[in-house]
C-alpha atoms as a PDB file:
ATOM      1  CA  MET A   1       5.401  26.776   0.512  1.00  0.00           C
ATOM      2  CA  ARG A   2       5.608  23.311  -1.042  1.00  0.00           C
ATOM      3  CA  VAL A   3       2.326  21.541  -1.684  1.00  0.00           C
ATOM      4  CA  ALA A   4       1.751  17.830  -2.362  1.00  0.00           C
ATOM      5  CA  LEU A   5      -1.409  16.535  -4.040  1.00  0.00           C
ATOM      6  CA  GLY A   6      -2.832  13.065  -4.669  1.00  0.00           C
ATOM      7  CA  ILE A   7      -4.532  12.780  -8.061  1.00  0.00           C
ATOM      8  CA  ALA A   8      -6.710  10.078  -9.600  1.00  0.00           C
ATOM      9  CA  TYR A   9      -7.397   9.912 -13.337  1.00  0.00           C
ATOM     10  CA  ARG A  10      -8.569   7.792 -16.224  1.00  0.00           C
ATOM     11  CA  GLY A  11      -5.878   7.692 -18.849  1.00  0.00           C
ATOM     12  CA  GLN A  12      -7.999   6.884 -21.900  1.00  0.00           C
ATOM     13  CA  ALA A  13      -8.236  10.430 -23.235  1.00  0.00           C
ATOM     14  CA  TYR A  14      -4.595  11.352 -22.643  1.00  0.00           C
ATOM     15  CA  THR A  15      -1.204  10.652 -24.184  1.00  0.00           C
ATOM     16  CA  GLY A  16       0.274   9.867 -20.793  1.00  0.00           C
ATOM     17  CA  TRP A  17       1.274  11.978 -17.807  1.00  0.00           C
ATOM     18  CA  GLN A  18       4.288  13.916 -19.031  1.00  0.00           C
ATOM     19  CA  SER A  19       3.772  17.190 -20.870  1.00  0.00           C
ATOM     20  CA  GLN A  20       4.821  17.080 -24.512  1.00  0.00           C
ATOM     21  CA  PRO A  21       4.464  19.324 -27.553  1.00  0.00           C
ATOM     22  CA  GLY A  22       1.178  18.827 -29.347  1.00  0.00           C
ATOM     23  CA  GLY A  23      -0.023  16.157 -26.919  1.00  0.00           C
ATOM     24  CA  ARG A  24      -2.961  16.304 -24.523  1.00  0.00           C
ATOM     25  CA  THR A  25      -1.371  14.977 -21.365  1.00  0.00           C
ATOM     26  CA  VAL A  26      -2.553  14.673 -17.785  1.00  0.00           C
ATOM     27  CA  GLN A  27       0.227  17.005 -16.651  1.00  0.00           C
ATOM     28  CA  ASP A  28      -0.913  19.689 -19.130  1.00  0.00           C
ATOM     29  CA  VAL A  29      -4.491  19.524 -17.849  1.00  0.00           C
ATOM     30  CA  VAL A  30      -3.531  19.427 -14.156  1.00  0.00           C
ATOM     31  CA  GLU A  31      -1.127  22.356 -14.470  1.00  0.00           C
ATOM     32  CA  ALA A  32      -3.711  24.386 -16.367  1.00  0.00           C
ATOM     33  CA  ALA A  33      -6.254  23.769 -13.580  1.00  0.00           C
ATOM     34  CA  LEU A  34      -3.749  24.619 -10.835  1.00  0.00           C
ATOM     35  CA  SER A  35      -2.737  27.780 -12.682  1.00  0.00           C
ATOM     36  CA  ALA A  36      -6.365  28.823 -13.116  1.00  0.00           C
ATOM     37  CA  PHE A  37      -7.085  28.337  -9.421  1.00  0.00           C
ATOM     38  CA  ALA A  38      -3.865  30.050  -8.320  1.00  0.00           C
ATOM     39  CA  ALA A  39      -4.225  32.842 -10.904  1.00  0.00           C
ATOM     40  CA  GLN A  40      -0.538  32.380 -11.742  1.00  0.00           C
ATOM     41  CA  PRO A  41       1.539  29.727 -13.534  1.00  0.00           C
ATOM     42  CA  VAL A  42       2.049  26.478 -11.613  1.00  0.00           C
ATOM     43  CA  ARG A  43       4.332  23.637 -12.632  1.00  0.00           C
ATOM     44  CA  CYS A  44       4.305  20.294 -10.821  1.00  0.00           C
ATOM     45  CA  LEU A  45       6.455  17.183 -10.651  1.00  0.00           C
ATOM     46  CA  CYS A  46       4.987  13.682 -10.324  1.00  0.00           C
ATOM     47  CA  ALA A  47       6.032  10.530  -8.502  1.00  0.00           C
ATOM     48  CA  GLY A  48       5.774   8.292 -11.558  1.00  0.00           C
ATOM     49  CA  ARG A  49       5.107   9.016 -15.220  1.00  0.00           C
ATOM     50  CA  THR A  50       2.309   6.965 -16.805  1.00  0.00           C
ATOM     51  CA  ASP A  51       1.935   6.088 -20.488  1.00  0.00           C
ATOM     52  CA  ALA A  52      -0.959   6.781 -22.836  1.00  0.00           C
ATOM     53  CA  GLY A  53      -4.128   5.047 -21.674  1.00  0.00           C
ATOM     54  CA  VAL A  54      -2.778   4.181 -18.214  1.00  0.00           C
ATOM     55  CA  HIS A  55      -4.834   5.190 -15.175  1.00  0.00           C
ATOM     56  CA  ALA A  56      -3.809   6.379 -11.699  1.00  0.00           C
ATOM     57  CA  LEU A  57      -5.438   5.977  -8.300  1.00  0.00           C
ATOM     58  CA  ASN A  58      -3.020   8.053  -6.244  1.00  0.00           C
ATOM     59  CA  GLN A  59      -0.523   9.889  -8.414  1.00  0.00           C
ATOM     60  CA  VAL A  60       1.486  12.142  -6.082  1.00  0.00           C
ATOM     61  CA  VAL A  61       2.759  15.510  -7.292  1.00  0.00           C
ATOM     62  CA  HIS A  62       4.421  18.472  -5.638  1.00  0.00           C
ATOM     63  CA  PHE A  63       4.793  22.134  -6.543  1.00  0.00           C
ATOM     64  CA  ASP A  64       5.921  25.391  -4.931  1.00  0.00           C
ATOM     65  CA  THR A  65       3.687  28.410  -4.466  1.00  0.00           C
ATOM     66  CA  PRO A  66       3.740  31.721  -2.590  1.00  0.00           C
ATOM     67  CA  LEU A  67      -0.021  31.472  -2.002  1.00  0.00           C
ATOM     68  CA  ASP A  68      -1.405  30.839   1.481  1.00  0.00           C
ATOM     69  CA  ARG A  69      -4.531  28.768   1.011  1.00  0.00           C
ATOM     70  CA  ALA A  70      -6.069  25.958   3.055  1.00  0.00           C
ATOM     71  CA  GLU A  71      -5.488  22.331   2.060  1.00  0.00           C
ATOM     72  CA  PHE A  72      -9.169  21.759   1.256  1.00  0.00           C
ATOM     73  CA  SER A  73      -9.114  24.869  -0.951  1.00  0.00           C
ATOM     74  CA  TRP A  74      -6.407  23.364  -3.158  1.00  0.00           C
ATOM     75  CA  VAL A  75      -8.514  20.217  -3.546  1.00  0.00           C
ATOM     76  CA  ARG A  76     -11.894  21.786  -4.245  1.00  0.00           C
ATOM     77  CA  GLY A  77     -10.568  24.832  -6.066  1.00  0.00           C
ATOM     78  CA  THR A  78      -8.403  22.850  -8.473  1.00  0.00           C
ATOM     79  CA  ASN A  79     -11.156  20.302  -9.128  1.00  0.00           C
ATOM     80  CA  ARG A  80     -13.413  23.125 -10.331  1.00  0.00           C
ATOM     81  CA  PHE A  81     -11.117  23.503 -13.332  1.00  0.00           C
ATOM     82  CA  LEU A  82     -10.508  19.802 -14.033  1.00  0.00           C
ATOM     83  CA  PRO A  83     -12.477  17.547 -16.408  1.00  0.00           C
ATOM     84  CA  GLY A  84     -14.554  14.703 -15.015  1.00  0.00           C
ATOM     85  CA  ASP A  85     -11.873  12.064 -15.582  1.00  0.00           C
ATOM     86  CA  ILE A  86      -9.258  13.762 -13.357  1.00  0.00           C
ATOM     87  CA  ALA A  87      -9.704  14.729  -9.697  1.00  0.00           C
ATOM     88  CA  VAL A  88      -7.461  15.861  -6.850  1.00  0.00           C
ATOM     89  CA  GLN A  89      -8.055  13.499  -3.927  1.00  0.00           C
ATOM     90  CA  TRP A  90      -6.093  15.164  -1.109  1.00  0.00           C
ATOM     91  CA  CYS A  91      -3.616  17.942  -0.308  1.00  0.00           C
ATOM     92  CA  ARG A  92      -0.757  18.149   2.198  1.00  0.00           C
ATOM     93  CA  PHE A  93       1.660  20.947   2.991  1.00  0.00           C
ATOM     94  CA  VAL A  94       5.159  19.434   3.012  1.00  0.00           C
ATOM     95  CA  PRO A  95       8.701  20.634   3.802  1.00  0.00           C
ATOM     96  CA  ALA A  96      10.723  22.213   1.003  1.00  0.00           C
ATOM     97  CA  SER A  97      12.930  19.106   1.080  1.00  0.00           C
ATOM     98  CA  PHE A  98      10.060  16.816   0.032  1.00  0.00           C
ATOM     99  CA  HIS A  99      10.291  15.511  -3.533  1.00  0.00           C
ATOM    100  CA  ALA A 100       7.419  13.445  -4.945  1.00  0.00           C
ATOM    101  CA  ARG A 101       9.713  11.302  -7.108  1.00  0.00           C
ATOM    102  CA  ALA A 102      13.047  11.186  -5.296  1.00  0.00           C
ATOM    103  CA  ASN A 103      11.575  10.545  -1.830  1.00  0.00           C
ATOM    104  CA  ALA A 104       9.382   7.626  -2.934  1.00  0.00           C
ATOM    105  CA  VAL A 105      10.737   4.394  -1.475  1.00  0.00           C
ATOM    106  CA  GLY A 106       8.480   2.239  -3.630  1.00  0.00           C
ATOM    107  CA  ARG A 107       5.700   2.217  -6.200  1.00  0.00           C
ATOM    108  CA  ARG A 108       2.665   0.012  -6.725  1.00  0.00           C
ATOM    109  CA  TYR A 109       0.829  -0.948  -9.905  1.00  0.00           C
ATOM    110  CA  ALA A 110      -2.226  -3.111 -10.508  1.00  0.00           C
ATOM    111  CA  TYR A 111      -3.499  -4.648 -13.726  1.00  0.00           C
ATOM    112  CA  LEU A 112      -7.145  -5.631 -14.070  1.00  0.00           C
ATOM    113  CA  LEU A 113      -7.980  -8.276 -16.680  1.00  0.00           C
ATOM    114  CA  LEU A 114     -11.397  -9.540 -17.770  1.00  0.00           C
ATOM    115  CA  ASP A 115     -11.415 -13.311 -18.351  1.00  0.00           C
ATOM    116  CA  ALA A 116     -14.515 -13.891 -20.501  1.00  0.00           C
ATOM    117  CA  PRO A 117     -15.537 -15.068 -23.980  1.00  0.00           C
ATOM    118  CA  VAL A 118     -17.073 -11.629 -24.708  1.00  0.00           C
ATOM    119  CA  ARG A 119     -15.085  -8.389 -24.815  1.00  0.00           C
ATOM    120  CA  PRO A 120     -15.676  -5.682 -22.178  1.00  0.00           C
ATOM    121  CA  ALA A 121     -18.347  -3.061 -22.803  1.00  0.00           C
ATOM    122  CA  LEU A 122     -19.164  -0.937 -19.735  1.00  0.00           C
ATOM    123  CA  GLU A 123     -15.575  -1.314 -18.536  1.00  0.00           C
ATOM    124  CA  SER A 124     -14.057  -0.786 -21.991  1.00  0.00           C
ATOM    125  CA  GLY A 125     -10.765   1.045 -21.648  1.00  0.00           C
ATOM    126  CA  LEU A 126     -10.588   0.240 -17.942  1.00  0.00           C
ATOM    127  CA  VAL A 127      -9.657  -3.447 -18.122  1.00  0.00           C
ATOM    128  CA  GLY A 128      -7.560  -5.727 -20.256  1.00  0.00           C
ATOM    129  CA  TRP A 129      -9.205  -8.778 -21.829  1.00  0.00           C
ATOM    130  CA  SER A 130      -8.474 -12.443 -22.401  1.00  0.00           C
ATOM    131  CA  LEU A 131     -11.053 -14.616 -24.138  1.00  0.00           C
ATOM    132  CA  GLN A 132      -9.163 -17.731 -23.046  1.00  0.00           C
ATOM    133  CA  ARG A 133      -9.658 -19.221 -19.602  1.00  0.00           C
ATOM    134  CA  LEU A 134      -6.559 -18.628 -17.490  1.00  0.00           C
ATOM    135  CA  ASP A 135      -4.903 -20.880 -14.900  1.00  0.00           C
ATOM    136  CA  GLY A 136      -4.395 -18.806 -11.750  1.00  0.00           C
ATOM    137  CA  ASP A 137      -2.158 -21.364 -10.054  1.00  0.00           C
ATOM    138  CA  ALA A 138       0.211 -21.411 -13.016  1.00  0.00           C
ATOM    139  CA  MET A 139       0.336 -17.610 -13.230  1.00  0.00           C
ATOM    140  CA  GLY A 140       0.889 -17.293  -9.481  1.00  0.00           C
ATOM    141  CA  GLU A 141       3.749 -19.771  -9.526  1.00  0.00           C
ATOM    142  CA  ALA A 142       5.365 -18.041 -12.498  1.00  0.00           C
ATOM    143  CA  ALA A 143       4.989 -14.642 -10.825  1.00  0.00           C
ATOM    144  CA  ARG A 144       6.869 -15.805  -7.736  1.00  0.00           C
ATOM    145  CA  ALA A 145       9.981 -16.352  -9.852  1.00  0.00           C
ATOM    146  CA  LEU A 146      10.018 -12.622 -10.604  1.00  0.00           C
ATOM    147  CA  VAL A 147      10.215 -11.468  -6.989  1.00  0.00           C
ATOM    148  CA  GLY A 148      13.589 -10.157  -5.848  1.00  0.00           C
ATOM    149  CA  GLU A 149      16.329  -8.040  -7.348  1.00  0.00           C
ATOM    150  CA  HIS A 150      16.823  -8.915 -11.006  1.00  0.00           C
ATOM    151  CA  ASP A 151      17.861  -7.487 -14.330  1.00  0.00           C
ATOM    152  CA  PHE A 152      14.492  -7.000 -16.054  1.00  0.00           C
ATOM    153  CA  SER A 153      15.907  -6.235 -19.515  1.00  0.00           C
ATOM    154  CA  ALA A 154      13.634  -8.906 -21.013  1.00  0.00           C
ATOM    155  CA  PHE A 155      10.622  -6.826 -19.978  1.00  0.00           C
ATOM    156  CA  ARG A 156      11.702  -3.282 -20.849  1.00  0.00           C
ATOM    157  CA  SER A 157      10.742  -1.376 -23.985  1.00  0.00           C
ATOM    158  CA  ALA A 158      13.251  -0.274 -26.598  1.00  0.00           C
ATOM    159  CA  GLU A 159      12.422   3.349 -25.670  1.00  0.00           C
ATOM    160  CA  CYS A 160      13.214   2.856 -21.963  1.00  0.00           C
ATOM    161  CA  GLN A 161      15.578   5.554 -20.702  1.00  0.00           C
ATOM    162  CA  ALA A 162      16.376   4.017 -17.294  1.00  0.00           C
ATOM    163  CA  LEU A 163      20.103   3.927 -16.568  1.00  0.00           C
ATOM    164  CA  SER A 164      19.833   0.401 -15.147  1.00  0.00           C
ATOM    165  CA  ALA A 165      17.461  -2.488 -15.778  1.00  0.00           C
ATOM    166  CA  VAL A 166      18.122  -3.899 -12.306  1.00  0.00           C
ATOM    167  CA  LYS A 167      15.037  -3.415 -10.124  1.00  0.00           C
ATOM    168  CA  HIS A 168      13.879  -4.911  -6.846  1.00  0.00           C
ATOM    169  CA  LEU A 169      10.427  -6.407  -7.365  1.00  0.00           C
ATOM    170  CA  ARG A 170       9.025  -6.786  -3.848  1.00  0.00           C
ATOM    171  CA  GLN A 171       5.628  -8.208  -4.777  1.00  0.00           C
ATOM    172  CA  ALA A 172       4.056  -9.950  -7.774  1.00  0.00           C
ATOM    173  CA  THR A 173       0.695 -11.578  -7.087  1.00  0.00           C
ATOM    174  CA  VAL A 174      -2.244 -12.827  -9.128  1.00  0.00           C
ATOM    175  CA  GLU A 175      -5.749 -13.084  -7.683  1.00  0.00           C
ATOM    176  CA  ARG A 176      -9.105 -14.058  -9.168  1.00  0.00           C
ATOM    177  CA  ARG A 177     -11.904 -11.592  -8.417  1.00  0.00           C
ATOM    178  CA  GLY A 178     -15.151 -12.721  -9.997  1.00  0.00           C
ATOM    179  CA  ALA A 179     -14.804 -12.512 -13.759  1.00  0.00           C
ATOM    180  CA  TYR A 180     -11.551 -10.583 -13.398  1.00  0.00           C
ATOM    181  CA  TRP A 181      -7.925 -11.264 -12.618  1.00  0.00           C
ATOM    182  CA  ARG A 182      -5.997  -8.689 -10.626  1.00  0.00           C
ATOM    183  CA  PHE A 183      -2.216  -8.582 -10.946  1.00  0.00           C
ATOM    184  CA  ASP A 184      -0.398  -6.560  -8.259  1.00  0.00           C
ATOM    185  CA  PHE A 185       3.205  -5.423  -8.476  1.00  0.00           C
ATOM    186  CA  GLU A 186       5.348  -3.485  -6.013  1.00  0.00           C
ATOM    187  CA  ALA A 187       8.949  -2.402  -6.580  1.00  0.00           C
ATOM    188  CA  ASP A 188      11.458   0.311  -5.872  1.00  0.00           C
ATOM    189  CA  ALA A 189      10.959   1.468  -9.473  1.00  0.00           C
ATOM    190  CA  PHE A 190       9.747   0.131 -12.816  1.00  0.00           C
ATOM    191  CA  LEU A 191      11.035   0.173 -16.379  1.00  0.00           C
ATOM    192  CA  HIS A 192       9.108   1.533 -19.354  1.00  0.00           C
ATOM    193  CA  HIS A 193       6.360  -0.983 -20.289  1.00  0.00           C
ATOM    194  CA  MET A 194       7.680  -3.399 -17.649  1.00  0.00           C
ATOM    195  CA  ILE A 195       4.285  -4.179 -16.100  1.00  0.00           C
ATOM    196  CA  ARG A 196       2.509  -4.607 -19.428  1.00  0.00           C
ATOM    197  CA  ASN A 197       5.270  -6.910 -20.642  1.00  0.00           C
ATOM    198  CA  LEU A 198       5.129  -8.957 -17.439  1.00  0.00           C
ATOM    199  CA  VAL A 199       1.339  -9.270 -17.677  1.00  0.00           C
ATOM    200  CA  GLY A 200       1.569 -10.363 -21.310  1.00  0.00           C
ATOM    201  CA  SER A 201       4.026 -13.089 -20.351  1.00  0.00           C
ATOM    202  CA  LEU A 202       1.963 -14.192 -17.336  1.00  0.00           C
ATOM    203  CA  VAL A 203      -1.106 -14.473 -19.560  1.00  0.00           C
ATOM    204  CA  ALA A 204       0.930 -16.627 -21.964  1.00  0.00           C
ATOM    205  CA  VAL A 205       1.581 -18.973 -19.027  1.00  0.00           C
ATOM    206  CA  GLY A 206      -2.010 -18.818 -17.776  1.00  0.00           C
ATOM    207  CA  SER A 207      -3.421 -19.688 -21.187  1.00  0.00           C
ATOM    208  CA  GLY A 208      -1.167 -22.730 -21.475  1.00  0.00           C
ATOM    209  CA  LYS A 209       0.867 -21.339 -24.370  1.00  0.00           C
ATOM    210  CA  ARG A 210       3.977 -21.413 -22.223  1.00  0.00           C
ATOM    211  CA  PRO A 211       5.036 -23.579 -19.248  1.00  0.00           C
ATOM    212  CA  VAL A 212       5.497 -22.071 -15.797  1.00  0.00           C
ATOM    213  CA  ALA A 213       9.299 -22.398 -15.905  1.00  0.00           C
ATOM    214  CA  TRP A 214       9.440 -20.374 -19.142  1.00  0.00           C
ATOM    215  CA  LEU A 215       8.988 -17.015 -17.395  1.00  0.00           C
ATOM    216  CA  GLY A 216      12.049 -17.538 -15.194  1.00  0.00           C
ATOM    217  CA  GLU A 217      14.038 -18.526 -18.268  1.00  0.00           C
ATOM    218  CA  VAL A 218      12.990 -15.352 -20.080  1.00  0.00           C
ATOM    219  CA  LEU A 219      13.951 -13.267 -17.055  1.00  0.00           C
ATOM    220  CA  ALA A 220      17.404 -14.873 -16.933  1.00  0.00           C
ATOM    221  CA  SER A 221      17.923 -14.392 -20.685  1.00  0.00           C
ATOM    222  CA  ARG A 222      17.583 -10.581 -20.505  1.00  0.00           C
ATOM    223  CA  GLU A 223      16.304 -10.767 -24.084  1.00  0.00           C
ATOM    224  CA  ARG A 224      13.158  -8.761 -24.829  1.00  0.00           C
ATOM    225  CA  ARG A 225      12.481 -10.765 -28.011  1.00  0.00           C
ATOM    226  CA  LEU A 226      11.883 -13.909 -25.935  1.00  0.00           C
ATOM    227  CA  ALA A 227       9.080 -12.449 -23.801  1.00  0.00           C
ATOM    228  CA  ALA A 228       5.451 -12.076 -24.831  1.00  0.00           C
ATOM    229  CA  ALA A 229       4.066  -9.047 -26.642  1.00  0.00           C
ATOM    230  CA  THR A 230       3.284  -5.890 -24.668  1.00  0.00           C
ATOM    231  CA  PHE A 231      -0.218  -6.156 -23.215  1.00  0.00           C
ATOM    232  CA  ALA A 232      -2.860  -3.437 -23.649  1.00  0.00           C
ATOM    233  CA  ALA A 233      -2.599  -0.316 -21.482  1.00  0.00           C
ATOM    234  CA  ASP A 234      -6.345  -0.395 -20.734  1.00  0.00           C
ATOM    235  CA  GLY A 235      -6.203  -2.344 -17.471  1.00  0.00           C
ATOM    236  CA  LEU A 236      -3.072  -0.778 -15.977  1.00  0.00           C
ATOM    237  CA  TYR A 237      -3.367   1.386 -12.855  1.00  0.00           C
ATOM    238  CA  PHE A 238      -0.641   3.290 -11.080  1.00  0.00           C
ATOM    239  CA  VAL A 239      -1.825   2.564  -7.550  1.00  0.00           C
ATOM    240  CA  GLY A 240       0.678   5.100  -6.272  1.00  0.00           C
ATOM    241  CA  PRO A 241       4.010   5.634  -4.560  1.00  0.00           C
ATOM    242  CA  TYR A 242       4.739   5.239  -0.880  1.00  0.00           C
ATOM    243  CA  TYR A 243       7.095   7.122   1.395  1.00  0.00           C
ATOM    244  CA  ASP A 244       8.670   6.945   4.822  1.00  0.00           C
ATOM    245  CA  PRO A 245       5.863   7.439   7.391  1.00  0.00           C
ATOM    246  CA  GLY A 246       7.417  10.701   8.557  1.00  0.00           C
ATOM    247  CA  HIS A 247       6.259  12.400   5.363  1.00  0.00           C
ATOM    248  CA  ALA A 248       2.599  11.670   6.266  1.00  0.00           C
ATOM    249  CA  ILE A 249       1.641  11.201   2.615  1.00  0.00           C
ATOM    250  CA  PRO A 250      -1.687   9.337   2.189  1.00  0.00           C
ATOM    251  CA  GLU A 251      -1.317   5.922   0.569  1.00  0.00           C
ATOM    252  CA  ARG A 252      -5.032   5.355  -0.048  1.00  0.00           C
ATOM    253  CA  THR A 253      -7.749   7.237  -1.888  1.00  0.00           C
ATOM    254  CA  ALA A 254     -11.456   6.572  -2.394  1.00  0.00           C
ATOM    255  CA  ALA A 255     -10.618   5.570  -5.969  1.00  0.00           C
ATOM    256  CA  MET A 256      -8.856   2.465  -4.644  1.00  0.00           C
ATOM    257  CA  ASP A 257     -12.110   1.108  -3.244  1.00  0.00           C
ATOM    258  CA  TRP A 258     -13.610   1.150  -6.749  1.00  0.00           C
ATOM    259  CA  LEU A 259     -11.007  -1.208  -8.195  1.00  0.00           C
ATOM    260  CA  PRO A 260     -11.983  -4.870  -7.611  1.00  0.00           C
END
């Protein structure tokens, strides 16, 4: 049968999701836990790869297994073998045609940024930081220029392997939440470092270093050198993918209620 899982994790201790030689990745740890519970090798495929230090609230994976075990058994049994910073949130049995990556019709990311004169302590590694006061109205206006189908070459990394830089950004919002700013992005897909590069450029606008119209000009230029530097991975969260309702894949986890 084919099994789908929703997984939440802190990315601080890992070199990203995707398994790689000599690297401690989330995929390595998850597959080791699944294999220990199943007492046989298990390989899984995720909905969206995350970079080193990036967190996930509802990473969706799927794998095939001949084992007949209850959904709650896959959750509790796998979690027995996982470290404290990774946990399976839910399990669903899905048709053999379901594919965690290919069937996703969209993906959501959030970036959490502390706006304070003192660096984060308790939330170190879980939020980005700006010691300068930011203008939310300016950032919100600049973000609206990003919405739609565009060539986002100005915000992709040199290592990006995507065949096309054209993506449909369906949402880009900025909201103040106490001492924090939350940036939310939704698109059909994202480029490597795209969110961190967008956040860096929005912060440049919010701090007054760049005018609001500048971000639209950078987008139109398609030149990475004109955008701001890549922002820290600390505050970036893969909120998760979403699918056609017929797949009955959960879009929320308890971890989402923790994020401001």
